Amino acid sequence: MEGENSKYIILPEYITKDRNLTDKEKSIYSMILSLSKNQECIMSNSYISSMLNISKVHSSRLISSLRDKGYINAVSYTHLRAHETGAYL
């Protein structure tokens, strides 16, 4: 662990206690909070899947679930190299 990049996300208490979210949804929501800083947060499904050790399809479903539950507004962008999701809180 020594010498590794020491990036981290903060999981706010209100998210931790939210029974409407799965653990993976809580992780993604916290990632969005930490990366957004009052602006749009753009992450590829590849990035999410690699960070959480899940498939790209699963990460896409989790983003859709957060959107459907009203936690984020998600917009899809398709680029030549990756499919990315922009999330607004």
Protein backbone atom coordinates (compact mmCIF):
# COMPACT_ATOMS: atom_id res chain seq x y z
CA MET A 1 0.00 0.00 0.00
CA GLU A 2 2.92 2.31 0.62
CA GLY A 3 3.77 4.45 -2.37
CA GLU A 4 0.34 4.03 -3.94
CA ASN A 5 -1.71 7.02 -4.94
CA SER A 6 -3.65 8.08 -1.86
CA LYS A 7 -6.90 9.22 -3.46
CA TYR A 8 -10.05 8.73 -1.42
CA ILE A 9 -13.72 9.58 -1.32
CA ILE A 10 -15.75 10.73 1.63
CA LEU A 11 -19.00 8.94 2.40
CA PRO A 12 -21.21 11.52 4.16
CA GLU A 13 -23.33 10.27 7.04
CA TYR A 14 -26.61 11.06 5.29
CA ILE A 15 -25.58 8.76 2.43
CA THR A 16 -24.38 6.05 4.81
CA LYS A 17 -27.78 6.02 6.53
CA ASP A 18 -29.84 6.16 3.32
CA ARG A 19 -31.68 2.84 3.05
CA ASN A 20 -32.79 3.60 -0.52
CA LEU A 21 -29.26 3.11 -1.85
CA THR A 22 -27.21 -0.04 -2.26
CA ASP A 23 -23.58 -0.03 -1.13
CA LYS A 24 -22.39 0.30 -4.74
CA GLU A 25 -24.79 3.19 -5.36
CA LYS A 26 -23.47 4.89 -2.23
CA SER A 27 -19.93 4.49 -3.52
CA ILE A 28 -20.76 5.94 -6.94
CA TYR A 29 -22.75 8.81 -5.43
CA SER A 30 -19.80 9.62 -3.14
CA MET A 31 -17.44 9.50 -6.13
CA ILE A 32 -19.70 11.97 -7.93
CA LEU A 33 -19.82 14.25 -4.87
CA SER A 34 -16.05 14.30 -4.56
CA LEU A 35 -15.43 14.90 -8.27
CA SER A 36 -18.20 17.40 -8.97
CA LYS A 37 -17.31 20.34 -6.71
CA ASN A 38 -20.49 22.22 -7.77
CA GLN A 39 -20.05 21.42 -11.44
CA GLU A 40 -20.75 18.58 -13.82
CA CYS A 41 -18.93 15.37 -13.04
CA ILE A 42 -17.94 13.27 -16.05
CA MET A 43 -16.83 9.67 -15.49
CA SER A 44 -16.67 6.84 -17.95
CA ASN A 45 -18.39 3.57 -17.18
CA SER A 46 -14.91 2.03 -17.55
CA TYR A 47 -13.60 4.24 -14.76
CA ILE A 48 -16.50 3.41 -12.46
CA SER A 49 -16.25 -0.30 -13.20
CA SER A 50 -12.50 -0.37 -12.58
CA MET A 51 -12.80 1.58 -9.32
CA LEU A 52 -15.56 -0.67 -7.96
CA ASN A 53 -14.46 -3.90 -9.60
CA ILE A 54 -17.76 -4.37 -11.44
CA SER A 55 -18.74 -4.73 -15.10
CA LYS A 56 -19.43 -1.71 -17.33
CA VAL A 57 -23.02 -2.92 -17.72
CA HIS A 58 -23.43 -3.01 -13.93
CA SER A 59 -21.99 0.49 -13.56
CA SER A 60 -24.42 1.76 -16.21
CA ARG A 61 -27.34 0.17 -14.36
CA LEU A 62 -26.24 1.73 -11.07
CA ILE A 63 -26.01 5.19 -12.66
CA SER A 64 -29.49 4.68 -14.15
CA SER A 65 -30.79 3.61 -10.74
CA LEU A 66 -29.36 6.74 -9.07
CA ARG A 67 -30.99 8.84 -11.79
CA ASP A 68 -34.34 7.03 -11.49
CA LYS A 69 -34.30 7.48 -7.69
CA GLY A 70 -33.74 11.22 -8.15
CA TYR A 71 -30.23 11.44 -6.67
CA ILE A 72 -28.54 12.61 -9.87
CA ASN A 73 -29.36 13.97 -13.29
CA ALA A 74 -27.36 11.87 -15.71
CA VAL A 75 -26.54 12.70 -19.30
CA SER A 76 -24.81 10.26 -21.62
CA TYR A 77 -22.00 11.28 -23.92
CA THR A 78 -20.62 9.02 -26.60
CA HIS A 79 -17.07 9.63 -27.76
CA LEU A 80 -14.88 7.65 -30.08
CA ARG A 81 -13.04 5.94 -27.24
CA ALA A 82 -15.46 5.69 -24.33
CA HIS A 83 -19.02 6.06 -23.19
CA GLU A 84 -19.14 8.61 -20.43
CA THR A 85 -21.80 9.71 -18.02
CA GLY A 86 -22.13 13.28 -16.83
CA ALA A 87 -23.87 13.60 -13.52
CA TYR A 88 -25.38 16.65 -11.90
CA LEU A 89 -26.40 16.66 -8.26
